[in-house]
């Protein structure tokens, strides 16, 4: 593990965490959050190797893998800042082939759960979207390029569970997007930590029609 990957970019920050006995604690997931921002790569890896459970941490962007910065950070930004939606779609749908880290403006500190290998659709994101497009039906009145952002967990067997909308377009689009995601029931390769599968969270856009419109 040369660079760190996270299961997902967490929306928490230092102000939302509680300080207990010199360490941060997250009230949402009831886990300890370690501050790695001043640690060397060797120190980070040593702590990860010594831990027996899941590891949530605070990192600098420079400590994280390019794969995570391209997928995870852009996914989070896209779902919270509308102006960057097209950046996210290009990153996911083209599997990062033409995107560089310089294209992504990530914050100084990033929060998330550590993984060795993030969860990914079996046969890749391109195949995932090909299958999805066959089941996605654009309701009347929903324009080309309308986007609905779906969040779900990938369990240790690679199944999509806890599917929900985190940023919708309208009721018709939201319903159609959610239906399509559930119908395809796509299998993923689960994330791993220390060689063992780990339940993690993903967020993806569902785009109707021609995304250029």
Protein backbone atom coordinates (compact mmCIF):
# COMPACT_ATOMS: atom_id res chain seq x y z
CA UNK A 1 0.00 0.00 0.00
CA UNK A 2 2.18 2.88 -1.27
CA UNK A 3 -0.60 5.47 -1.05
CA UNK A 4 -3.81 5.36 0.96
CA UNK A 5 -7.24 4.75 -0.57
CA UNK A 6 -10.46 5.46 1.26
CA UNK A 7 -13.74 3.59 1.05
CA UNK A 8 -15.51 6.91 0.51
CA UNK A 9 -15.01 10.57 1.22
CA UNK A 10 -16.78 11.30 4.49
CA UNK A 11 -18.69 14.54 4.98
CA UNK A 12 -17.46 14.96 8.58
CA UNK A 13 -14.93 17.59 9.62
CA UNK A 14 -13.00 18.44 12.78
CA UNK A 15 -15.79 20.67 14.07
CA UNK A 16 -18.35 17.85 13.83
CA UNK A 17 -16.17 15.34 15.71
CA UNK A 18 -15.90 14.94 19.47
CA UNK A 19 -12.54 14.93 21.22
CA UNK A 20 -12.11 12.10 23.76
CA UNK A 21 -8.85 11.27 25.52
CA UNK A 22 -6.81 13.09 22.92
CA UNK A 23 -8.43 11.42 19.90
CA UNK A 24 -11.44 12.24 17.76
CA UNK A 25 -14.67 10.26 17.93
CA UNK A 26 -17.43 10.25 15.31
CA UNK A 27 -20.95 10.38 16.75
CA UNK A 28 -22.49 9.11 13.50
CA UNK A 29 -20.66 5.80 13.19
CA UNK A 30 -19.35 5.54 16.78
CA UNK A 31 -15.76 4.99 15.65
CA UNK A 32 -12.47 6.56 16.59
CA UNK A 33 -11.03 8.89 13.96
CA UNK A 34 -7.24 9.10 13.76
CA UNK A 35 -5.40 12.21 12.62
CA UNK A 36 -2.78 11.15 10.05
CA UNK A 37 -2.12 14.59 8.59
CA UNK A 38 1.25 14.99 10.33
CA UNK A 39 2.33 11.37 9.91
CA UNK A 40 4.81 10.02 7.37
CA UNK A 41 3.74 7.31 4.94
CA UNK A 42 5.68 4.74 6.99
CA UNK A 43 3.95 5.85 10.20
CA UNK A 44 0.53 5.68 8.54
CA UNK A 45 1.19 2.19 7.20
CA UNK A 46 2.51 1.01 10.57
CA UNK A 47 -0.64 2.20 12.33
CA UNK A 48 -2.86 0.55 9.72
CA UNK A 49 -0.97 -2.73 10.04
CA UNK A 50 -1.25 -2.66 13.85
CA UNK A 51 -4.99 -2.00 13.88
CA UNK A 52 -7.40 -4.94 13.99
CA UNK A 53 -10.67 -3.23 13.03
CA UNK A 54 -11.80 -0.59 10.59
CA UNK A 55 -9.75 2.59 10.44
CA UNK A 56 -11.25 6.04 9.99
CA UNK A 57 -8.82 8.88 9.55
CA UNK A 58 -8.04 12.45 8.58
CA UNK A 59 -5.60 12.77 5.69
CA UNK A 60 -3.93 15.34 3.50
CA UNK A 61 -4.63 14.99 -0.19
CA UNK A 62 -0.94 14.25 -0.83
CA UNK A 63 -1.19 11.13 1.35
CA UNK A 64 -3.96 9.55 -0.72
CA UNK A 65 -3.79 7.43 -3.84
CA UNK A 66 -4.52 8.98 -7.23
CA UNK A 67 -7.23 6.38 -7.76
CA UNK A 68 -9.12 7.57 -4.71
CA UNK A 69 -8.59 11.26 -5.49
CA UNK A 70 -10.03 10.72 -8.95
CA UNK A 71 -12.99 8.58 -7.96
CA UNK A 72 -13.81 9.30 -4.33
CA UNK A 73 -13.07 12.99 -4.03
CA UNK A 74 -14.65 13.91 -7.34
CA UNK A 75 -17.73 11.84 -6.48
CA UNK A 76 -18.22 13.72 -3.23
CA UNK A 77 -17.65 17.14 -4.79
CA UNK A 78 -20.00 16.38 -7.66
CA UNK A 79 -22.85 15.53 -5.33
CA UNK A 80 -22.46 18.70 -3.30
CA UNK A 81 -21.31 21.32 -5.82
CA UNK A 82 -23.43 21.44 -9.02
CA UNK A 83 -20.83 23.27 -11.09
CA UNK A 84 -18.56 20.20 -11.02
CA UNK A 85 -21.13 17.59 -12.05
CA UNK A 86 -19.67 17.18 -15.55
CA UNK A 87 -16.22 16.59 -14.05
CA UNK A 88 -17.55 13.70 -11.98
CA UNK A 89 -19.37 12.05 -14.84
CA UNK A 90 -16.30 12.18 -17.07
CA UNK A 91 -14.16 10.66 -14.34
CA UNK A 92 -16.52 7.75 -13.66
CA UNK A 93 -17.76 6.97 -17.16
CA UNK A 94 -14.35 7.14 -18.84
CA UNK A 95 -12.62 5.31 -15.99
CA UNK A 96 -10.21 8.16 -15.37
CA UNK A 97 -8.25 7.50 -18.56
CA UNK A 98 -8.06 11.14 -19.57
CA UNK A 99 -8.19 12.85 -16.17
CA UNK A 100 -5.28 14.09 -14.09
CA UNK A 101 -5.12 14.99 -10.43
CA UNK A 102 -4.62 18.62 -11.46
CA UNK A 103 -8.21 18.61 -12.75
CA UNK A 104 -9.59 18.01 -9.23
CA UNK A 105 -9.61 20.75 -6.61
CA UNK A 106 -9.62 18.75 -3.38
CA UNK A 107 -9.59 20.27 0.13
CA UNK A 108 -6.60 20.38 2.46
CA UNK A 109 -8.04 17.63 4.68
CA UNK A 110 -10.06 14.59 3.65
CA UNK A 111 -11.93 12.29 6.04
CA UNK A 112 -12.73 8.64 5.35
CA UNK A 113 -12.31 4.95 6.07
CA UNK A 114 -9.09 3.30 4.91
CA UNK A 115 -9.09 0.47 2.35
CA UNK A 116 -6.35 -1.19 0.31
CA UNK A 117 -8.50 -1.57 -2.78
CA UNK A 118 -11.75 0.40 -3.25
CA UNK A 119 -14.92 -1.37 -4.35
CA UNK A 120 -15.45 -1.40 -8.12
CA UNK A 121 -18.07 -2.78 -10.49
CA UNK A 122 -17.17 -6.19 -11.88
CA UNK A 123 -15.83 -5.66 -15.43
CA UNK A 124 -15.38 -1.96 -14.71
CA UNK A 125 -17.37 1.28 -14.63
CA UNK A 126 -17.87 1.39 -18.37
CA UNK A 127 -19.64 -1.99 -18.32
CA UNK A 128 -21.69 -0.90 -15.30
CA UNK A 129 -23.03 2.12 -17.18
CA UNK A 130 -23.68 0.09 -20.33
CA UNK A 131 -25.90 -2.29 -18.35
CA UNK A 132 -27.55 0.59 -16.51
CA UNK A 133 -28.35 2.46 -19.73
CA UNK A 134 -30.35 -0.52 -21.04
CA UNK A 135 -32.68 -0.40 -18.05
CA UNK A 136 -32.88 3.36 -17.57
CA UNK A 137 -36.05 4.89 -19.00
CA UNK A 138 -36.30 8.68 -19.27
CA UNK A 139 -39.74 9.83 -18.10
CA UNK A 140 -41.61 12.37 -20.18
CA UNK A 141 -40.59 15.87 -19.20
CA UNK A 142 -37.15 14.87 -17.88
CA UNK A 143 -34.52 16.57 -20.08
CA UNK A 144 -31.40 15.04 -21.58
CA UNK A 145 -28.49 15.33 -19.20
CA UNK A 146 -30.62 15.27 -16.04
CA UNK A 147 -28.61 13.70 -13.22
CA UNK A 148 -29.61 11.80 -10.11
CA UNK A 149 -26.91 10.87 -7.60
CA UNK A 150 -27.30 7.45 -6.01
CA UNK A 151 -25.52 6.26 -2.88
CA UNK A 152 -25.26 2.63 -1.83
CA UNK A 153 -23.15 0.27 0.22
CA UNK A 154 -21.23 -2.63 -1.29
CA UNK A 155 -21.22 -5.52 1.17
CA UNK A 156 -18.47 -8.11 1.59
CA UNK A 157 -20.09 -10.29 -1.09
CA UNK A 158 -20.16 -7.45 -3.61
CA UNK A 159 -23.91 -6.80 -3.39
CA UNK A 160 -25.46 -3.34 -3.62
CA UNK A 161 -27.43 -2.63 -0.44
CA UNK A 162 -28.94 0.40 1.31
CA UNK A 163 -29.54 2.15 -2.02
CA UNK A 164 -30.76 5.73 -1.71
CA UNK A 165 -30.78 9.07 -3.50
CA UNK A 166 -28.42 11.70 -2.13
CA UNK A 167 -29.10 14.37 -4.73
CA UNK A 168 -32.16 14.17 -6.93
CA UNK A 169 -33.46 15.99 -10.01
CA UNK A 170 -37.23 15.67 -9.62
CA UNK A 171 -39.67 13.00 -8.45
CA UNK A 172 -40.03 11.34 -11.88
CA UNK A 173 -36.29 11.23 -12.56
CA UNK A 174 -35.48 10.11 -9.02
CA UNK A 175 -37.97 7.25 -9.20
CA UNK A 176 -36.71 6.09 -12.61
CA UNK A 177 -33.05 6.24 -11.56
CA UNK A 178 -33.66 4.35 -8.33
CA UNK A 179 -35.68 1.70 -10.17
CA UNK A 180 -32.95 1.17 -12.79
CA UNK A 181 -30.21 0.79 -10.19
CA UNK A 182 -32.26 -1.74 -8.24
CA UNK A 183 -33.26 -3.68 -11.37
CA UNK A 184 -29.71 -4.24 -12.61
CA UNK A 185 -28.64 -5.39 -9.13
CA UNK A 186 -25.06 -5.14 -10.36
CA UNK A 187 -22.31 -7.09 -8.63
CA UNK A 188 -19.16 -5.38 -7.41
CA UNK A 189 -15.74 -6.51 -6.34
CA UNK A 190 -15.78 -5.48 -2.67
CA UNK A 191 -13.20 -3.23 -1.11
CA UNK A 192 -10.43 -4.92 0.84
CA UNK A 193 -8.34 -4.15 3.91
CA UNK A 194 -5.48 -6.45 4.92
CA UNK A 195 -6.62 -8.79 2.16
CA UNK A 196 -10.13 -9.21 3.59
CA UNK A 197 -13.36 -7.89 2.01
CA UNK A 198 -14.86 -4.82 3.66
CA UNK A 199 -18.32 -3.26 3.40
CA UNK A 200 -17.98 0.24 1.97
CA UNK A 201 -20.02 3.01 0.37
CA UNK A 202 -20.11 4.37 -3.18
CA UNK A 203 -21.86 7.26 -4.85
CA UNK A 204 -22.56 7.48 -8.59
CA UNK A 205 -24.49 9.68 -11.02
CA UNK A 206 -27.34 8.31 -13.11
CA UNK A 207 -27.55 10.41 -16.27
CA UNK A 208 -30.61 10.51 -18.53
CA UNK A 209 -30.24 10.72 -22.30
CA UNK A 210 -27.40 12.73 -23.77
CA UNK A 211 -25.20 14.14 -20.94
CA UNK A 212 -23.95 16.91 -23.25
CA UNK A 213 -27.35 18.62 -23.19
